[in-house]
C-alpha atoms as a PDB file:
ATOM      1  CA  MET A   1     -43.868  39.463  -9.020  1.00  0.00           C
ATOM      2  CA  ARG A   2     -41.055  38.193 -10.714  1.00  0.00           C
ATOM      3  CA  ARG A   3     -38.605  40.383  -8.474  1.00  0.00           C
ATOM      4  CA  PHE A   4     -40.466  39.343  -5.363  1.00  0.00           C
ATOM      5  CA  VAL A   5     -39.843  35.568  -5.942  1.00  0.00           C
ATOM      6  CA  ALA A   6     -36.220  35.988  -6.770  1.00  0.00           C
ATOM      7  CA  ALA A   7     -35.822  38.322  -3.470  1.00  0.00           C
ATOM      8  CA  ALA A   8     -37.199  35.502  -1.871  1.00  0.00           C
ATOM      9  CA  ALA A   9     -35.559  32.707  -2.789  1.00  0.00           C
ATOM     10  CA  LEU A  10     -32.041  34.265  -2.042  1.00  0.00           C
ATOM     11  CA  PRO A  11     -32.700  34.327   1.860  1.00  0.00           C
ATOM     12  CA  LEU A  12     -34.569  30.883   1.787  1.00  0.00           C
ATOM     13  CA  SER A  13     -31.897  29.203   0.169  1.00  0.00           C
ATOM     14  CA  LEU A  14     -29.457  30.577   2.511  1.00  0.00           C
ATOM     15  CA  GLY A  15     -31.363  29.584   5.589  1.00  0.00           C
ATOM     16  CA  VAL A  16     -31.494  26.085   4.365  1.00  0.00           C
ATOM     17  CA  LEU A  17     -27.900  25.753   4.399  1.00  0.00           C
ATOM     18  CA  ALA A  18     -27.239  27.331   7.476  1.00  0.00           C
ATOM     19  CA  LEU A  19     -29.856  24.802   8.545  1.00  0.00           C
ATOM     20  CA  LEU A  20     -27.986  21.836   7.095  1.00  0.00           C
ATOM     21  CA  ALA A  21     -24.453  23.232   8.404  1.00  0.00           C
ATOM     22  CA  VAL A  22     -25.647  23.558  11.754  1.00  0.00           C
ATOM     23  CA  SER A  23     -27.671  19.852  11.690  1.00  0.00           C
ATOM     24  CA  THR A  24     -24.239  18.245  10.600  1.00  0.00           C
ATOM     25  CA  ALA A  25     -21.486  20.062  12.740  1.00  0.00           C
ATOM     26  CA  GLY A  26     -21.068  17.849  15.695  1.00  0.00           C
ATOM     27  CA  ALA A  27     -21.957  14.636  14.081  1.00  0.00           C
ATOM     28  CA  PRO A  28     -18.903  12.082  13.762  1.00  0.00           C
ATOM     29  CA  ALA A  29     -17.873  11.055  10.154  1.00  0.00           C
ATOM     30  CA  LEU A  30     -19.025   7.581   9.847  1.00  0.00           C
ATOM     31  CA  ALA A  31     -17.411   5.046   7.525  1.00  0.00           C
ATOM     32  CA  GLN A  32     -19.613   3.335   4.637  1.00  0.00           C
ATOM     33  CA  GLY A  33     -20.953  -0.095   5.521  1.00  0.00           C
ATOM     34  CA  VAL A  34     -19.375  -2.645   8.081  1.00  0.00           C
ATOM     35  CA  PHE A  35     -16.552  -4.451   6.735  1.00  0.00           C
ATOM     36  CA  VAL A  36     -13.073  -5.924   7.511  1.00  0.00           C
ATOM     37  CA  GLU A  37      -9.910  -5.935   5.151  1.00  0.00           C
ATOM     38  CA  THR A  38      -6.121  -7.040   5.260  1.00  0.00           C
ATOM     39  CA  ASN A  39      -3.307  -5.418   3.916  1.00  0.00           C
ATOM     40  CA  PRO A  40      -1.913  -7.225   2.021  1.00  0.00           C
ATOM     41  CA  SER A  41      -5.193  -9.494   1.177  1.00  0.00           C
ATOM     42  CA  THR A  42      -2.209 -12.436   0.398  1.00  0.00           C
ATOM     43  CA  ALA A  43       0.758 -12.621   2.732  1.00  0.00           C
ATOM     44  CA  ARG A  44       3.611 -14.926   3.427  1.00  0.00           C
ATOM     45  CA  ALA A  45       3.588 -17.129   6.834  1.00  0.00           C
ATOM     46  CA  GLY A  46       5.775 -14.686   9.216  1.00  0.00           C
ATOM     47  CA  ASP A  47       4.612 -11.180   7.343  1.00  0.00           C
ATOM     48  CA  GLU A  48       3.109  -8.353   9.482  1.00  0.00           C
ATOM     49  CA  ILE A  49      -0.404  -7.092   7.891  1.00  0.00           C
ATOM     50  CA  ALA A  50      -2.589  -4.202   8.564  1.00  0.00           C
ATOM     51  CA  VAL A  51      -6.024  -5.099   9.335  1.00  0.00           C
ATOM     52  CA  ARG A  52      -8.750  -1.858   8.647  1.00  0.00           C
ATOM     53  CA  ALA A  53     -11.982  -2.533   9.256  1.00  0.00           C
ATOM     54  CA  SER A  54     -15.549  -0.369   9.660  1.00  0.00           C
ATOM     55  CA  CYS A  55     -18.341  -0.812  11.987  1.00  0.00           C
ATOM     56  CA  THR A  56     -21.667   1.501  12.450  1.00  0.00           C
ATOM     57  CA  ASP A  57     -19.884   3.643  15.140  1.00  0.00           C
ATOM     58  CA  ASN A  58     -16.240   3.872  14.876  1.00  0.00           C
ATOM     59  CA  LEU A  59     -15.497   5.553  17.837  1.00  0.00           C
ATOM     60  CA  GLN A  60     -15.136   2.181  20.025  1.00  0.00           C
ATOM     61  CA  ALA A  61     -13.007  -0.871  19.601  1.00  0.00           C
ATOM     62  CA  ALA A  62     -13.682  -3.819  17.840  1.00  0.00           C
ATOM     63  CA  ALA A  63     -12.614  -7.543  17.704  1.00  0.00           C
ATOM     64  CA  VAL A  64     -10.950  -9.390  14.524  1.00  0.00           C
ATOM     65  CA  SER A  65     -10.197 -12.798  14.448  1.00  0.00           C
ATOM     66  CA  SER A  66      -8.724 -15.317  12.506  1.00  0.00           C
ATOM     67  CA  SER A  67      -7.605 -18.866  12.361  1.00  0.00           C
ATOM     68  CA  ALA A  68      -4.617 -17.510  10.692  1.00  0.00           C
ATOM     69  CA  PHE A  69      -3.577 -15.217  13.513  1.00  0.00           C
ATOM     70  CA  ALA A  70      -4.733 -14.412  17.447  1.00  0.00           C
ATOM     71  CA  THR A  71      -7.411 -12.321  18.093  1.00  0.00           C
ATOM     72  CA  VAL A  72      -6.740  -8.360  17.863  1.00  0.00           C
ATOM     73  CA  THR A  73      -8.329  -5.504  18.997  1.00  0.00           C
ATOM     74  CA  ALA A  74      -8.991  -2.898  15.882  1.00  0.00           C
ATOM     75  CA  ALA A  75      -8.477   0.872  17.502  1.00  0.00           C
ATOM     76  CA  PRO A  76     -10.317   3.697  16.121  1.00  0.00           C
ATOM     77  CA  ASN A  77      -7.589   5.679  13.751  1.00  0.00           C
ATOM     78  CA  TYR A  78      -8.816   8.593  11.116  1.00  0.00           C
ATOM     79  CA  GLY A  79     -12.267   7.315  10.873  1.00  0.00           C
ATOM     80  CA  PHE A  80     -11.712   3.688  10.367  1.00  0.00           C
ATOM     81  CA  LEU A  81     -10.594   1.091  13.125  1.00  0.00           C
ATOM     82  CA  THR A  82      -7.256  -0.304  12.581  1.00  0.00           C
ATOM     83  CA  ALA A  83      -4.292  -2.668  13.797  1.00  0.00           C
ATOM     84  CA  THR A  84      -1.269  -4.602  12.930  1.00  0.00           C
ATOM     85  CA  VAL A  85      -0.862  -8.272  13.313  1.00  0.00           C
ATOM     86  CA  ARG A  86       2.214 -10.914  12.317  1.00  0.00           C
ATOM     87  CA  VAL A  87       1.184 -14.115  10.619  1.00  0.00           C
ATOM     88  CA  PRO A  88       3.028 -16.768  12.834  1.00  0.00           C
ATOM     89  CA  PRO A  89       5.931 -18.378  10.569  1.00  0.00           C
ATOM     90  CA  ALA A  90       4.379 -22.140  10.997  1.00  0.00           C
ATOM     91  CA  THR A  91       0.650 -20.918   9.574  1.00  0.00           C
ATOM     92  CA  PRO A  92      -0.082 -23.626   6.581  1.00  0.00           C
ATOM     93  CA  PRO A  93      -0.781 -22.078   3.208  1.00  0.00           C
ATOM     94  CA  GLY A  94      -4.389 -21.343   2.062  1.00  0.00           C
ATOM     95  CA  ALA A  95      -7.132 -19.196   2.315  1.00  0.00           C
ATOM     96  CA  TYR A  96      -8.134 -17.953   5.679  1.00  0.00           C
ATOM     97  CA  GLU A  97     -11.800 -15.894   6.980  1.00  0.00           C
ATOM     98  CA  VAL A  98     -11.382 -13.022   9.096  1.00  0.00           C
ATOM     99  CA  ARG A  99     -14.003 -12.005  11.346  1.00  0.00           C
ATOM    100  CA  LEU A 100     -15.100  -8.866  12.370  1.00  0.00           C
ATOM    101  CA  ALA A 101     -17.148  -8.738  15.613  1.00  0.00           C
ATOM    102  CA  CYS A 102     -18.455  -4.885  16.191  1.00  0.00           C
ATOM    103  CA  PRO A 103     -19.713  -3.264  19.747  1.00  0.00           C
ATOM    104  CA  ASP A 104     -23.282  -3.216  18.612  1.00  0.00           C
ATOM    105  CA  GLY A 105     -23.177  -7.037  17.579  1.00  0.00           C
ATOM    106  CA  LYS A 106     -22.773  -6.530  13.830  1.00  0.00           C
ATOM    107  CA  LYS A 107     -20.411  -8.349  12.213  1.00  0.00           C
ATOM    108  CA  ALA A 108     -18.393  -8.517   8.741  1.00  0.00           C
ATOM    109  CA  THR A 109     -16.221 -11.091   7.375  1.00  0.00           C
ATOM    110  CA  GLY A 110     -13.028 -10.755   4.688  1.00  0.00           C
ATOM    111  CA  THR A 111     -10.107 -13.608   3.275  1.00  0.00           C
ATOM    112  CA  LEU A 112      -6.595 -13.732   3.916  1.00  0.00           C
ATOM    113  CA  HIS A 113      -4.672 -15.778   1.721  1.00  0.00           C
ATOM    114  CA  VAL A 114      -1.512 -17.054   3.019  1.00  0.00           C
ATOM    115  CA  VAL A 115       1.094 -18.366   0.799  1.00  0.00           C
ATOM    116  CA  THR A 116       4.292 -20.603   1.496  1.00  0.00           C
ATOM    117  CA  LYS A 117       7.735 -18.703   2.156  1.00  0.00           C
ATOM    118  CA  VAL A 118      10.139 -19.343  -0.400  1.00  0.00           C
ATOM    119  CA  GLU A 119      13.543 -18.359  -0.339  1.00  0.00           C
ATOM    120  CA  PRO A 120      15.409 -18.444  -3.920  1.00  0.00           C
ATOM    121  CA  SER A 121      18.450 -20.216  -4.060  1.00  0.00           C
ATOM    122  CA  HIS A 122      20.491 -17.978  -6.500  1.00  0.00           C
ATOM    123  CA  GLY A 123      19.388 -14.798  -8.439  1.00  0.00           C
ATOM    124  CA  PRO A 124      17.548 -14.772 -11.545  1.00  0.00           C
ATOM    125  CA  ALA A 125      18.650 -15.567 -14.817  1.00  0.00           C
ATOM    126  CA  THR A 126      18.610 -12.005 -16.268  1.00  0.00           C
ATOM    127  CA  GLY A 127      21.129 -12.494 -19.814  1.00  0.00           C
ATOM    128  CA  GLY A 128      24.367 -13.665 -20.717  1.00  0.00           C
ATOM    129  CA  GLY A 129      26.262 -13.172 -17.426  1.00  0.00           C
ATOM    130  CA  GLY A 130      28.851 -10.711 -19.400  1.00  0.00           C
ATOM    131  CA  THR A 131      30.001  -9.734 -16.150  1.00  0.00           C
ATOM    132  CA  ALA A 132      29.904 -13.344 -14.410  1.00  0.00           C
ATOM    133  CA  ALA A 133      33.306 -14.348 -12.839  1.00  0.00           C
ATOM    134  CA  ASP A 134      34.354 -17.520 -15.082  1.00  0.00           C
ATOM    135  CA  ARG A 135      33.115 -15.718 -18.355  1.00  0.00           C
ATOM    136  CA  ALA A 136      34.344 -13.442 -20.718  1.00  0.00           C
ATOM    137  CA  ALA A 137      34.628 -10.498 -18.379  1.00  0.00           C
ATOM    138  CA  PRO A 138      38.580 -10.148 -18.465  1.00  0.00           C
ATOM    139  CA  ALA A 139      37.998  -9.831 -21.963  1.00  0.00           C
ATOM    140  CA  LEU A 140      35.564  -7.196 -21.731  1.00  0.00           C
ATOM    141  CA  VAL A 141      37.498  -5.013 -19.157  1.00  0.00           C
ATOM    142  CA  GLY A 142      40.688  -4.930 -21.404  1.00  0.00           C
ATOM    143  CA  GLY A 143      38.490  -4.028 -24.550  1.00  0.00           C
ATOM    144  CA  GLY A 144      36.688  -1.094 -22.552  1.00  0.00           C
ATOM    145  CA  VAL A 145      40.730  -0.116 -21.306  1.00  0.00           C
ATOM    146  CA  ALA A 146      42.109  -0.310 -25.057  1.00  0.00           C
ATOM    147  CA  ALA A 147      39.301   1.898 -26.621  1.00  0.00           C
ATOM    148  CA  VAL A 148      39.756   4.525 -23.831  1.00  0.00           C
ATOM    149  CA  VAL A 149      43.388   4.582 -24.521  1.00  0.00           C
ATOM    150  CA  ALA A 150      42.824   4.988 -28.066  1.00  0.00           C
ATOM    151  CA  GLY A 151      40.521   7.642 -27.941  1.00  0.00           C
ATOM    152  CA  LEU A 152      42.880   9.282 -25.767  1.00  0.00           C
ATOM    153  CA  ILE A 153      45.617   9.076 -28.430  1.00  0.00           C
ATOM    154  CA  VAL A 154      43.613   9.961 -31.050  1.00  0.00           C
ATOM    155  CA  ALA A 155      42.401  13.377 -29.356  1.00  0.00           C
ATOM    156  CA  VAL A 156      46.240  13.920 -28.141  1.00  0.00           C
ATOM    157  CA  ALA A 157      46.921  13.706 -32.033  1.00  0.00           C
ATOM    158  CA  ALA A 158      44.030  15.778 -33.138  1.00  0.00           C
ATOM    159  CA  TRP A 159      45.133  18.667 -30.237  1.00  0.00           C
ATOM    160  CA  ARG A 160      48.974  18.293 -31.361  1.00  0.00           C
ATOM    161  CA  ARG A 161      48.131  19.127 -35.100  1.00  0.00           C
ATOM    162  CA  ARG A 162      45.732  21.779 -34.286  1.00  0.00           C
ATOM    163  CA  ALA A 163      48.511  23.434 -32.015  1.00  0.00           C
ATOM    164  CA  TYR A 164      51.307  24.061 -35.507  1.00  0.00           C
END
């Protein structure tokens, strides 16, 4: 009896696996859920951002809009809907809602944070500034050259002493 059950189980399990393979063979891959996101989620005014979204069916384009940028069309790309958009330089800082409108009527929202574009007036304070122009740079360079010359003199003297 055991031999009969084991012999029947193998073809039955292979049949189930073949049925699963046939039923999923032609179906497109669907992303999980309906969502919209920006990358990066925090951007400076004037920067370019990437939008990634997903609808029930990612084979049709969808509209993505925000008051931080104009409405763009997110096109199918590797199983998701993607687009690239530039945040206008005059966009004031703040949190902006990003809205996705899918062709089947489903909607999703995300958030884009826009920050002020600030240009630094000078480099970062990273230490004593030993190589700065009006500091101790000449003394350091002179000391380094003197150390190299002294090392060469010692090396030549040691070489000559071995030669005799």
